[in-house]
Amino acid sequence: MTDRSAGAADAYGTRDPDALARRAGTRANPDNDQHFLVDDRVLDRLPTYLPAGADLRHLLEVGGGAGALTDRLLATVDAGDGGLAGRVTVIERDPPFAAFLREEFADAVADGTLAVIEGDALEVELPDFSACVANLPYGISSEVAFRLLPRKKPLVLTFQAEFADRMVASAGEPEYGRLSVSAQHYANVEVVERIPKEAFDPQPAVESAVVRCTPRAPDYEVGDEAFFLRFVKALFTQRRKTLRNAIRNTAHISGLEAPDAVVDAVDEDLLGRRPGTLDPSTFAALAELAREHGSPAEA
């Protein structure tokens, strides 16, 4: 791919990842959880995984690095019906890379198409984005995902493949767990591509996967979302136990003051099952019983 000069608006979407890294003058550091996507084909595909009809007027990227994906996102933003210019916001923790992004895309920064937020994605205030496409740092991928999911916006995120498989797993599958229930509470979650190690520089020790999260309301109701998620977390710490024992053994995690009262309220057939066999709607029903009978303490 031909490298185009920095700042040329008509070049958005064409910058070569290796040339960007050379201009940045700083290599990705795996000790800082940096593994940059350098495969043009994967980079080009990532924005296309956003669901049909997604609002493209304000795209968020977490971990901009040398800007290879930033470049593709600048080519993707849409002015929309309101006529306002589309924009991209990038959160980048590493000061040298944040400075490079501002320099490399100086025209986009100047005209308001690009904003670079220098800071930790777990601590900075998130903008009011319309969708997010990001190659997440693996070490904080879970925490970042669960900052983004409650915003109920379309997400296209790269994760370690094992983590992605846990996100999309169904009840009864070995990978199914707290992560599966929690992610699927907010969105339809699907793996749309698997990425080999060779697509990154430096190469990570594991393969990766791209996950698309399309927000939707769950087909069940919960009266207290925070308690529901805490209850799910608690039960999966005892995933090999029966539900009867899991409820009793994890009251200190879920905050139940009367776990025996919850056990008494649950159907006997259900009490003999294990958490990994229960679908999200069953967890929701159990959480409501627990709230009603277990006198949960405030989080």
C-alpha atoms as a PDB file:
ATOM      1  CA  MET A   1       0.000   0.000   0.000  1.00  0.00           C
ATOM      2  CA  THR A   2       1.305   3.447  -0.905  1.00  0.00           C
ATOM      3  CA  ASP A   3       2.024   5.691   2.042  1.00  0.00           C
ATOM      4  CA  ARG A   4       0.353   9.098   1.772  1.00  0.00           C
ATOM      5  CA  SER A   5       1.511  12.286   3.409  1.00  0.00           C
ATOM      6  CA  ALA A   6       0.231  13.212   6.853  1.00  0.00           C
ATOM      7  CA  GLY A   7      -2.661  15.610   7.037  1.00  0.00           C
ATOM      8  CA  ALA A   8      -4.043  15.010   3.535  1.00  0.00           C
ATOM      9  CA  ALA A   9      -7.771  14.595   4.014  1.00  0.00           C
ATOM     10  CA  ASP A  10      -8.174  12.616   0.827  1.00  0.00           C
ATOM     11  CA  ALA A  11      -5.662  10.121   2.212  1.00  0.00           C
ATOM     12  CA  TYR A  12      -7.805   8.998   5.135  1.00  0.00           C
ATOM     13  CA  GLY A  13      -8.047   5.245   5.056  1.00  0.00           C
ATOM     14  CA  THR A  14      -4.870   4.762   3.026  1.00  0.00           C
ATOM     15  CA  ARG A  15      -2.016   5.193   5.485  1.00  0.00           C
ATOM     16  CA  ASP A  16       0.378   2.277   5.710  1.00  0.00           C
ATOM     17  CA  PRO A  17       0.696   0.930   9.294  1.00  0.00           C
ATOM     18  CA  ASP A  18       4.442   0.314   9.016  1.00  0.00           C
ATOM     19  CA  ALA A  19       5.085   3.803   7.676  1.00  0.00           C
ATOM     20  CA  LEU A  20       3.016   5.289  10.488  1.00  0.00           C
ATOM     21  CA  ALA A  21       5.097   3.395  13.032  1.00  0.00           C
ATOM     22  CA  ARG A  22       8.298   4.684  11.439  1.00  0.00           C
ATOM     23  CA  ARG A  23       7.058   8.262  11.527  1.00  0.00           C
ATOM     24  CA  ALA A  24       5.954   7.866  15.148  1.00  0.00           C
ATOM     25  CA  GLY A  25       9.532   6.949  15.995  1.00  0.00           C
ATOM     26  CA  THR A  26       8.380   4.760  18.887  1.00  0.00           C
ATOM     27  CA  ARG A  27       7.644   1.060  18.608  1.00  0.00           C
ATOM     28  CA  ALA A  28       4.776  -0.615  20.352  1.00  0.00           C
ATOM     29  CA  ASN A  29       5.916  -1.998  23.694  1.00  0.00           C
ATOM     30  CA  PRO A  30       4.403  -5.335  24.743  1.00  0.00           C
ATOM     31  CA  ASP A  31       5.465  -4.601  28.327  1.00  0.00           C
ATOM     32  CA  ASN A  32       2.967  -1.713  28.157  1.00  0.00           C
ATOM     33  CA  ASP A  33       0.314  -4.020  26.684  1.00  0.00           C
ATOM     34  CA  GLN A  34       0.833  -2.589  23.181  1.00  0.00           C
ATOM     35  CA  HIS A  35       0.264  -4.898  20.215  1.00  0.00           C
ATOM     36  CA  PHE A  36      -0.623  -2.804  17.184  1.00  0.00           C
ATOM     37  CA  LEU A  37      -2.607  -4.140  14.270  1.00  0.00           C
ATOM     38  CA  VAL A  38      -0.474  -3.841  11.143  1.00  0.00           C
ATOM     39  CA  ASP A  39      -2.416  -6.000   8.673  1.00  0.00           C
ATOM     40  CA  ASP A  40      -4.061  -3.595   6.204  1.00  0.00           C
ATOM     41  CA  ARG A  41      -6.802  -6.062   5.346  1.00  0.00           C
ATOM     42  CA  VAL A  42      -7.902  -6.493   8.951  1.00  0.00           C
ATOM     43  CA  LEU A  43      -7.710  -2.754   9.592  1.00  0.00           C
ATOM     44  CA  ASP A  44      -9.838  -2.049   6.530  1.00  0.00           C
ATOM     45  CA  ARG A  45     -12.463  -4.558   7.635  1.00  0.00           C
ATOM     46  CA  LEU A  46     -12.870  -3.443  11.238  1.00  0.00           C
ATOM     47  CA  PRO A  47     -15.159  -0.422  10.580  1.00  0.00           C
ATOM     48  CA  THR A  48     -17.264  -2.493   8.175  1.00  0.00           C
ATOM     49  CA  TYR A  49     -18.286  -4.785  11.034  1.00  0.00           C
ATOM     50  CA  LEU A  50     -20.408  -2.082  12.613  1.00  0.00           C
ATOM     51  CA  PRO A  51     -24.058  -3.152  12.343  1.00  0.00           C
ATOM     52  CA  ALA A  52     -26.116  -1.899   9.404  1.00  0.00           C
ATOM     53  CA  GLY A  53     -27.631   1.463  10.154  1.00  0.00           C
ATOM     54  CA  ALA A  54     -25.162   2.308  12.921  1.00  0.00           C
ATOM     55  CA  ASP A  55     -24.748   6.011  13.633  1.00  0.00           C
ATOM     56  CA  LEU A  56     -21.292   6.892  12.291  1.00  0.00           C
ATOM     57  CA  ARG A  57     -21.232  10.548  13.285  1.00  0.00           C
ATOM     58  CA  HIS A  58     -18.996  10.153  16.344  1.00  0.00           C
ATOM     59  CA  LEU A  59     -16.688   7.154  16.457  1.00  0.00           C
ATOM     60  CA  LEU A  60     -14.639   6.310  19.532  1.00  0.00           C
ATOM     61  CA  GLU A  61     -11.306   4.487  19.491  1.00  0.00           C
ATOM     62  CA  VAL A  62      -9.529   3.250  22.618  1.00  0.00           C
ATOM     63  CA  GLY A  63      -5.763   2.911  22.248  1.00  0.00           C
ATOM     64  CA  GLY A  64      -4.869   4.845  19.100  1.00  0.00           C
ATOM     65  CA  GLY A  65      -1.172   3.970  19.017  1.00  0.00           C
ATOM     66  CA  ALA A  66       0.426   5.117  15.777  1.00  0.00           C
ATOM     67  CA  GLY A  67      -2.937   5.784  14.166  1.00  0.00           C
ATOM     68  CA  ALA A  68      -3.481   2.985  11.638  1.00  0.00           C
ATOM     69  CA  LEU A  69      -7.055   2.379  12.804  1.00  0.00           C
ATOM     70  CA  THR A  70      -7.598   6.084  13.512  1.00  0.00           C
ATOM     71  CA  ASP A  71      -6.898   6.682   9.818  1.00  0.00           C
ATOM     72  CA  ARG A  72      -9.579   4.148   8.812  1.00  0.00           C
ATOM     73  CA  LEU A  73     -12.092   5.647  11.231  1.00  0.00           C
ATOM     74  CA  LEU A  74     -11.533   9.134   9.833  1.00  0.00           C
ATOM     75  CA  ALA A  75     -12.495   7.691   6.451  1.00  0.00           C
ATOM     76  CA  THR A  76     -15.620   6.127   7.982  1.00  0.00           C
ATOM     77  CA  VAL A  77     -17.292   8.941   9.952  1.00  0.00           C
ATOM     78  CA  ASP A  78     -20.495  10.238   8.425  1.00  0.00           C
ATOM     79  CA  ALA A  79     -21.995  13.724   8.542  1.00  0.00           C
ATOM     80  CA  GLY A  80     -25.474  12.224   8.909  1.00  0.00           C
ATOM     81  CA  ASP A  81     -28.820  13.921   8.348  1.00  0.00           C
ATOM     82  CA  GLY A  82     -28.063  16.860  10.588  1.00  0.00           C
ATOM     83  CA  GLY A  83     -25.285  18.125   8.356  1.00  0.00           C
ATOM     84  CA  LEU A  84     -22.777  18.334  11.197  1.00  0.00           C
ATOM     85  CA  ALA A  85     -19.288  17.112  10.459  1.00  0.00           C
ATOM     86  CA  GLY A  86     -18.574  13.587  11.617  1.00  0.00           C
ATOM     87  CA  ARG A  87     -15.786  13.151  14.120  1.00  0.00           C
ATOM     88  CA  VAL A  88     -13.499  10.640  15.775  1.00  0.00           C
ATOM     89  CA  THR A  89     -12.331  10.663  19.391  1.00  0.00           C
ATOM     90  CA  VAL A  90      -9.240   8.648  20.313  1.00  0.00           C
ATOM     91  CA  ILE A  91      -8.213   7.823  23.855  1.00  0.00           C
ATOM     92  CA  GLU A  92      -4.470   7.202  24.095  1.00  0.00           C
ATOM     93  CA  ARG A  93      -2.580   6.704  27.366  1.00  0.00           C
ATOM     94  CA  ASP A  94       0.994   6.948  26.053  1.00  0.00           C
ATOM     95  CA  PRO A  95       2.064  10.620  25.741  1.00  0.00           C
ATOM     96  CA  PRO A  96       4.430  10.090  22.763  1.00  0.00           C
ATOM     97  CA  PHE A  97       1.721   8.354  20.751  1.00  0.00           C
ATOM     98  CA  ALA A  98      -0.895  10.930  21.733  1.00  0.00           C
ATOM     99  CA  ALA A  99       1.444  13.688  20.542  1.00  0.00           C
ATOM    100  CA  PHE A 100       2.123  11.815  17.309  1.00  0.00           C
ATOM    101  CA  LEU A 101      -1.596  11.399  16.585  1.00  0.00           C
ATOM    102  CA  ARG A 102      -2.108  15.149  16.953  1.00  0.00           C
ATOM    103  CA  GLU A 103       0.793  15.787  14.585  1.00  0.00           C
ATOM    104  CA  GLU A 104      -0.005  13.081  12.027  1.00  0.00           C
ATOM    105  CA  PHE A 105      -3.647  14.127  11.797  1.00  0.00           C
ATOM    106  CA  ALA A 106      -3.098  17.839  12.406  1.00  0.00           C
ATOM    107  CA  ASP A 107      -5.648  18.900   9.777  1.00  0.00           C
ATOM    108  CA  ALA A 108      -8.332  16.672  11.290  1.00  0.00           C
ATOM    109  CA  VAL A 109      -7.582  18.047  14.751  1.00  0.00           C
ATOM    110  CA  ALA A 110      -7.689  21.606  13.431  1.00  0.00           C
ATOM    111  CA  ASP A 111     -11.053  21.221  11.720  1.00  0.00           C
ATOM    112  CA  GLY A 112     -12.633  19.351  14.646  1.00  0.00           C
ATOM    113  CA  THR A 113     -12.824  15.986  12.917  1.00  0.00           C
ATOM    114  CA  LEU A 114     -10.433  14.384  15.422  1.00  0.00           C
ATOM    115  CA  ALA A 115     -10.036  14.781  19.168  1.00  0.00           C
ATOM    116  CA  VAL A 116      -7.212  13.040  21.028  1.00  0.00           C
ATOM    117  CA  ILE A 117      -7.794  12.429  24.732  1.00  0.00           C
ATOM    118  CA  GLU A 118      -4.535  11.668  26.520  1.00  0.00           C
ATOM    119  CA  GLY A 119      -5.215   9.454  29.514  1.00  0.00           C
ATOM    120  CA  ASP A 120      -6.244   6.083  30.889  1.00  0.00           C
ATOM    121  CA  ALA A 121      -9.396   4.721  29.242  1.00  0.00           C
ATOM    122  CA  LEU A 122     -10.527   3.425  32.639  1.00  0.00           C
ATOM    123  CA  GLU A 123     -10.343   6.881  34.211  1.00  0.00           C
ATOM    124  CA  VAL A 124     -11.046   9.576  31.624  1.00  0.00           C
ATOM    125  CA  GLU A 125     -14.561  10.822  30.997  1.00  0.00           C
ATOM    126  CA  LEU A 126     -15.979   9.048  27.968  1.00  0.00           C
ATOM    127  CA  PRO A 127     -17.405  11.284  25.233  1.00  0.00           C
ATOM    128  CA  ASP A 128     -20.939  10.925  23.957  1.00  0.00           C
ATOM    129  CA  PHE A 129     -19.894   8.626  21.123  1.00  0.00           C
ATOM    130  CA  SER A 130     -22.258   7.017  18.617  1.00  0.00           C
ATOM    131  CA  ALA A 131     -20.230   3.817  18.045  1.00  0.00           C
ATOM    132  CA  CYS A 132     -16.841   2.414  19.024  1.00  0.00           C
ATOM    133  CA  VAL A 133     -14.239   0.525  17.002  1.00  0.00           C
ATOM    134  CA  ALA A 134     -11.056  -0.362  18.869  1.00  0.00           C
ATOM    135  CA  ASN A 135      -8.121  -2.722  19.159  1.00  0.00           C
ATOM    136  CA  LEU A 136      -8.235  -2.895  22.942  1.00  0.00           C
ATOM    137  CA  PRO A 137      -5.143  -3.348  25.102  1.00  0.00           C
ATOM    138  CA  TYR A 138      -5.551  -6.902  26.379  1.00  0.00           C
ATOM    139  CA  GLY A 139      -4.706  -6.141  29.980  1.00  0.00           C
ATOM    140  CA  ILE A 140      -7.703  -3.831  30.399  1.00  0.00           C
ATOM    141  CA  SER A 141     -10.030  -5.250  27.750  1.00  0.00           C
ATOM    142  CA  SER A 142     -12.584  -6.559  30.237  1.00  0.00           C
ATOM    143  CA  GLU A 143     -12.735  -3.326  32.235  1.00  0.00           C
ATOM    144  CA  VAL A 144     -12.974  -1.185  29.100  1.00  0.00           C
ATOM    145  CA  ALA A 145     -15.667  -3.399  27.578  1.00  0.00           C
ATOM    146  CA  PHE A 146     -17.791  -3.045  30.686  1.00  0.00           C
ATOM    147  CA  ARG A 147     -17.374   0.716  30.641  1.00  0.00           C
ATOM    148  CA  LEU A 148     -18.635   0.725  27.062  1.00  0.00           C
ATOM    149  CA  LEU A 149     -21.423  -1.878  27.101  1.00  0.00           C
ATOM    150  CA  PRO A 150     -23.759   0.018  29.467  1.00  0.00           C
ATOM    151  CA  ARG A 151     -23.645   2.971  27.049  1.00  0.00           C
ATOM    152  CA  LYS A 152     -25.708   0.790  24.679  1.00  0.00           C
ATOM    153  CA  LYS A 153     -23.872   1.816  21.519  1.00  0.00           C
ATOM    154  CA  PRO A 154     -22.615  -0.452  18.703  1.00  0.00           C
ATOM    155  CA  LEU A 155     -19.133  -1.790  19.477  1.00  0.00           C
ATOM    156  CA  VAL A 156     -16.512  -3.554  17.341  1.00  0.00           C
ATOM    157  CA  LEU A 157     -13.671  -4.610  19.639  1.00  0.00           C
ATOM    158  CA  THR A 158     -10.658  -6.906  19.413  1.00  0.00           C
ATOM    159  CA  PHE A 159      -9.955  -9.252  22.317  1.00  0.00           C
ATOM    160  CA  GLN A 160      -7.866 -12.286  23.063  1.00  0.00           C
ATOM    161  CA  ALA A 161      -9.673 -15.141  21.324  1.00  0.00           C
ATOM    162  CA  GLU A 162     -10.283 -16.989  24.586  1.00  0.00           C
ATOM    163  CA  PHE A 163     -11.924 -13.921  26.096  1.00  0.00           C
ATOM    164  CA  ALA A 164     -14.067 -13.428  22.973  1.00  0.00           C
ATOM    165  CA  ASP A 165     -15.221 -17.059  23.093  1.00  0.00           C
ATOM    166  CA  ARG A 166     -16.321 -16.563  26.687  1.00  0.00           C
ATOM    167  CA  MET A 167     -18.280 -13.454  25.752  1.00  0.00           C
ATOM    168  CA  VAL A 168     -20.359 -15.255  23.124  1.00  0.00           C
ATOM    169  CA  ALA A 169     -20.762 -18.655  24.831  1.00  0.00           C
ATOM    170  CA  SER A 170     -24.206 -20.108  25.516  1.00  0.00           C
ATOM    171  CA  ALA A 171     -25.474 -21.871  28.644  1.00  0.00           C
ATOM    172  CA  GLY A 172     -24.062 -25.369  28.933  1.00  0.00           C
ATOM    173  CA  GLU A 173     -20.904 -24.670  26.935  1.00  0.00           C
ATOM    174  CA  PRO A 174     -17.551 -24.930  28.747  1.00  0.00           C
ATOM    175  CA  GLU A 175     -16.707 -21.268  28.061  1.00  0.00           C
ATOM    176  CA  TYR A 176     -20.024 -20.003  29.447  1.00  0.00           C
ATOM    177  CA  GLY A 177     -19.755 -17.938  32.593  1.00  0.00           C
ATOM    178  CA  ARG A 178     -20.191 -14.590  34.260  1.00  0.00           C
ATOM    179  CA  LEU A 179     -18.671 -12.787  31.265  1.00  0.00           C
ATOM    180  CA  SER A 180     -21.166 -14.427  28.891  1.00  0.00           C
ATOM    181  CA  VAL A 181     -24.214 -13.474  30.945  1.00  0.00           C
ATOM    182  CA  SER A 182     -22.991  -9.940  31.647  1.00  0.00           C
ATOM    183  CA  ALA A 183     -22.061  -9.120  28.035  1.00  0.00           C
ATOM    184  CA  GLN A 184     -25.222 -10.654  26.606  1.00  0.00           C
ATOM    185  CA  HIS A 185     -27.304  -8.691  29.089  1.00  0.00           C
ATOM    186  CA  TYR A 186     -26.434  -5.547  27.134  1.00  0.00           C
ATOM    187  CA  ALA A 187     -26.107  -6.690  23.540  1.00  0.00           C
ATOM    188  CA  ASN A 188     -26.197  -9.360  20.890  1.00  0.00           C
ATOM    189  CA  VAL A 189     -22.570 -10.456  20.936  1.00  0.00           C
ATOM    190  CA  GLU A 190     -20.873 -12.313  18.085  1.00  0.00           C
ATOM    191  CA  VAL A 191     -17.370 -13.146  16.897  1.00  0.00           C
ATOM    192  CA  VAL A 192     -17.057 -11.769  13.372  1.00  0.00           C
ATOM    193  CA  GLU A 193     -13.399 -12.533  12.649  1.00  0.00           C
ATOM    194  CA  ARG A 194     -10.434 -14.345  14.138  1.00  0.00           C
ATOM    195  CA  ILE A 195      -7.076 -12.623  13.815  1.00  0.00           C
ATOM    196  CA  PRO A 196      -3.767 -14.505  13.686  1.00  0.00           C
ATOM    197  CA  LYS A 197      -0.840 -13.388  15.805  1.00  0.00           C
ATOM    198  CA  GLU A 198       1.016 -12.364  12.656  1.00  0.00           C
ATOM    199  CA  ALA A 199      -1.406  -9.466  12.100  1.00  0.00           C
ATOM    200  CA  PHE A 200       0.123  -7.617  15.073  1.00  0.00           C
ATOM    201  CA  ASP A 201       3.474  -6.001  15.808  1.00  0.00           C
ATOM    202  CA  PRO A 202       4.884  -7.103  18.154  1.00  0.00           C
ATOM    203  CA  GLN A 203       3.115 -10.425  17.953  1.00  0.00           C
ATOM    204  CA  PRO A 204       1.105 -11.378  21.056  1.00  0.00           C
ATOM    205  CA  ALA A 205       1.392 -14.847  22.525  1.00  0.00           C
ATOM    206  CA  VAL A 206      -2.207 -15.695  21.625  1.00  0.00           C
ATOM    207  CA  GLU A 207      -4.633 -15.317  18.754  1.00  0.00           C
ATOM    208  CA  SER A 208      -7.254 -12.591  18.787  1.00  0.00           C
ATOM    209  CA  ALA A 209     -10.833 -12.158  17.682  1.00  0.00           C
ATOM    210  CA  VAL A 210     -13.101  -9.319  16.650  1.00  0.00           C
ATOM    211  CA  VAL A 211     -16.373  -9.094  18.571  1.00  0.00           C
ATOM    212  CA  ARG A 212     -19.390  -7.121  17.426  1.00  0.00           C
ATOM    213  CA  CYS A 213     -21.793  -5.955  20.137  1.00  0.00           C
ATOM    214  CA  THR A 214     -25.165  -4.767  18.855  1.00  0.00           C
ATOM    215  CA  PRO A 215     -27.115  -3.154  21.704  1.00  0.00           C
ATOM    216  CA  ARG A 216     -30.585  -4.425  22.492  1.00  0.00           C
ATOM    217  CA  ALA A 217     -32.918  -4.688  25.437  1.00  0.00           C
ATOM    218  CA  PRO A 218     -32.826  -8.127  27.101  1.00  0.00           C
ATOM    219  CA  ASP A 219     -35.881 -10.373  26.834  1.00  0.00           C
ATOM    220  CA  TYR A 220     -36.275 -10.295  30.613  1.00  0.00           C
ATOM    221  CA  GLU A 221     -36.579  -7.613  33.264  1.00  0.00           C
ATOM    222  CA  VAL A 222     -34.396  -6.901  36.276  1.00  0.00           C
ATOM    223  CA  GLY A 223     -35.405  -4.493  38.991  1.00  0.00           C
ATOM    224  CA  ASP A 224     -31.834  -3.685  40.028  1.00  0.00           C
ATOM    225  CA  GLU A 225     -29.191  -4.106  37.353  1.00  0.00           C
ATOM    226  CA  ALA A 226     -26.261  -3.679  39.730  1.00  0.00           C
ATOM    227  CA  PHE A 227     -27.582  -6.427  41.993  1.00  0.00           C
ATOM    228  CA  PHE A 228     -28.306  -8.698  39.023  1.00  0.00           C
ATOM    229  CA  LEU A 229     -24.715  -8.450  37.804  1.00  0.00           C
ATOM    230  CA  ARG A 230     -23.343  -8.908  41.338  1.00  0.00           C
ATOM    231  CA  PHE A 231     -25.581 -11.957  41.856  1.00  0.00           C
ATOM    232  CA  VAL A 232     -24.379 -13.523  38.596  1.00  0.00           C
ATOM    233  CA  LYS A 233     -20.760 -12.855  39.579  1.00  0.00           C
ATOM    234  CA  ALA A 234     -21.330 -14.471  42.965  1.00  0.00           C
ATOM    235  CA  LEU A 235     -22.924 -17.643  41.637  1.00  0.00           C
ATOM    236  CA  PHE A 236     -20.195 -18.215  39.058  1.00  0.00           C
ATOM    237  CA  THR A 237     -17.559 -18.241  41.785  1.00  0.00           C
ATOM    238  CA  GLN A 238     -19.234 -21.556  42.693  1.00  0.00           C
ATOM    239  CA  ARG A 239     -19.897 -22.806  39.184  1.00  0.00           C
ATOM    240  CA  ARG A 240     -19.226 -26.448  40.107  1.00  0.00           C
ATOM    241  CA  LYS A 241     -21.663 -26.343  43.025  1.00  0.00           C
ATOM    242  CA  THR A 242     -25.408 -26.833  42.836  1.00  0.00           C
ATOM    243  CA  LEU A 243     -27.457 -23.670  42.840  1.00  0.00           C
ATOM    244  CA  ARG A 244     -28.616 -24.473  46.400  1.00  0.00           C
ATOM    245  CA  ASN A 245     -25.049 -24.420  47.700  1.00  0.00           C
ATOM    246  CA  ALA A 246     -23.915 -21.583  45.445  1.00  0.00           C
ATOM    247  CA  ILE A 247     -26.584 -19.223  46.781  1.00  0.00           C
ATOM    248  CA  ARG A 248     -25.705 -20.070  50.381  1.00  0.00           C
ATOM    249  CA  ASN A 249     -21.935 -19.982  49.909  1.00  0.00           C
ATOM    250  CA  THR A 250     -21.769 -16.632  48.138  1.00  0.00           C
ATOM    251  CA  ALA A 251     -24.033 -14.424  50.247  1.00  0.00           C
ATOM    252  CA  HIS A 252     -20.957 -12.381  51.221  1.00  0.00           C
ATOM    253  CA  ILE A 253     -20.401 -11.559  47.535  1.00  0.00           C
ATOM    254  CA  SER A 254     -23.979 -11.013  46.422  1.00  0.00           C
ATOM    255  CA  GLY A 255     -24.854  -9.148  49.612  1.00  0.00           C
ATOM    256  CA  LEU A 256     -27.745 -11.407  50.584  1.00  0.00           C
ATOM    257  CA  GLU A 257     -28.676 -11.192  54.238  1.00  0.00           C
ATOM    258  CA  ALA A 258     -31.057 -14.168  54.104  1.00  0.00           C
ATOM    259  CA  PRO A 259     -29.693 -16.717  51.583  1.00  0.00           C
ATOM    260  CA  ASP A 260     -31.676 -19.579  53.140  1.00  0.00           C
ATOM    261  CA  ALA A 261     -34.898 -17.681  52.471  1.00  0.00           C
ATOM    262  CA  VAL A 262     -33.885 -17.415  48.819  1.00  0.00           C
ATOM    263  CA  VAL A 263     -33.180 -21.141  48.630  1.00  0.00           C
ATOM    264  CA  ASP A 264     -36.600 -21.844  50.114  1.00  0.00           C
ATOM    265  CA  ALA A 265     -38.244 -19.683  47.430  1.00  0.00           C
ATOM    266  CA  VAL A 266     -36.531 -21.370  44.448  1.00  0.00           C
ATOM    267  CA  ASP A 267     -38.073 -24.351  42.680  1.00  0.00           C
ATOM    268  CA  GLU A 268     -36.549 -27.617  43.903  1.00  0.00           C
ATOM    269  CA  ASP A 269     -35.658 -28.836  40.413  1.00  0.00           C
ATOM    270  CA  LEU A 270     -33.724 -25.645  39.752  1.00  0.00           C
ATOM    271  CA  LEU A 271     -31.779 -25.901  43.011  1.00  0.00           C
ATOM    272  CA  GLY A 272     -30.066 -29.067  41.784  1.00  0.00           C
ATOM    273  CA  ARG A 273     -28.653 -27.406  38.673  1.00  0.00           C
ATOM    274  CA  ARG A 274     -25.273 -25.694  38.344  1.00  0.00           C
ATOM    275  CA  PRO A 275     -24.776 -22.040  37.358  1.00  0.00           C
ATOM    276  CA  GLY A 276     -23.172 -22.895  34.018  1.00  0.00           C
ATOM    277  CA  THR A 277     -26.418 -24.488  32.807  1.00  0.00           C
ATOM    278  CA  LEU A 278     -28.645 -21.464  33.463  1.00  0.00           C
ATOM    279  CA  ASP A 279     -29.444 -19.016  30.673  1.00  0.00           C
ATOM    280  CA  PRO A 280     -29.480 -15.245  31.340  1.00  0.00           C
ATOM    281  CA  SER A 281     -33.269 -15.086  31.699  1.00  0.00           C
ATOM    282  CA  THR A 282     -33.123 -17.731  34.444  1.00  0.00           C
ATOM    283  CA  PHE A 283     -30.446 -15.737  36.238  1.00  0.00           C
ATOM    284  CA  ALA A 284     -32.699 -12.691  35.976  1.00  0.00           C
ATOM    285  CA  ALA A 285     -35.639 -14.561  37.509  1.00  0.00           C
ATOM    286  CA  LEU A 286     -33.410 -15.856  40.305  1.00  0.00           C
ATOM    287  CA  ALA A 287     -32.059 -12.372  40.971  1.00  0.00           C
ATOM    288  CA  GLU A 288     -35.614 -11.083  41.376  1.00  0.00           C
ATOM    289  CA  LEU A 289     -36.403 -13.870  43.830  1.00  0.00           C
ATOM    290  CA  ALA A 290     -33.214 -13.055  45.705  1.00  0.00           C
ATOM    291  CA  ARG A 291     -34.161  -9.383  45.913  1.00  0.00           C
ATOM    292  CA  GLU A 292     -37.620 -10.274  47.147  1.00  0.00           C
ATOM    293  CA  HIS A 293     -36.672 -12.874  49.750  1.00  0.00           C
ATOM    294  CA  GLY A 294     -32.989 -12.344  50.526  1.00  0.00           C
ATOM    295  CA  SER A 295     -32.942  -8.731  51.744  1.00  0.00           C
ATOM    296  CA  PRO A 296     -29.862  -7.821  49.712  1.00  0.00           C
ATOM    297  CA  ALA A 297     -27.645  -5.151  51.208  1.00  0.00           C
ATOM    298  CA  GLU A 298     -26.878  -2.033  49.198  1.00  0.00           C
ATOM    299  CA  ALA A 299     -23.760  -2.334  47.002  1.00  0.00           C
END
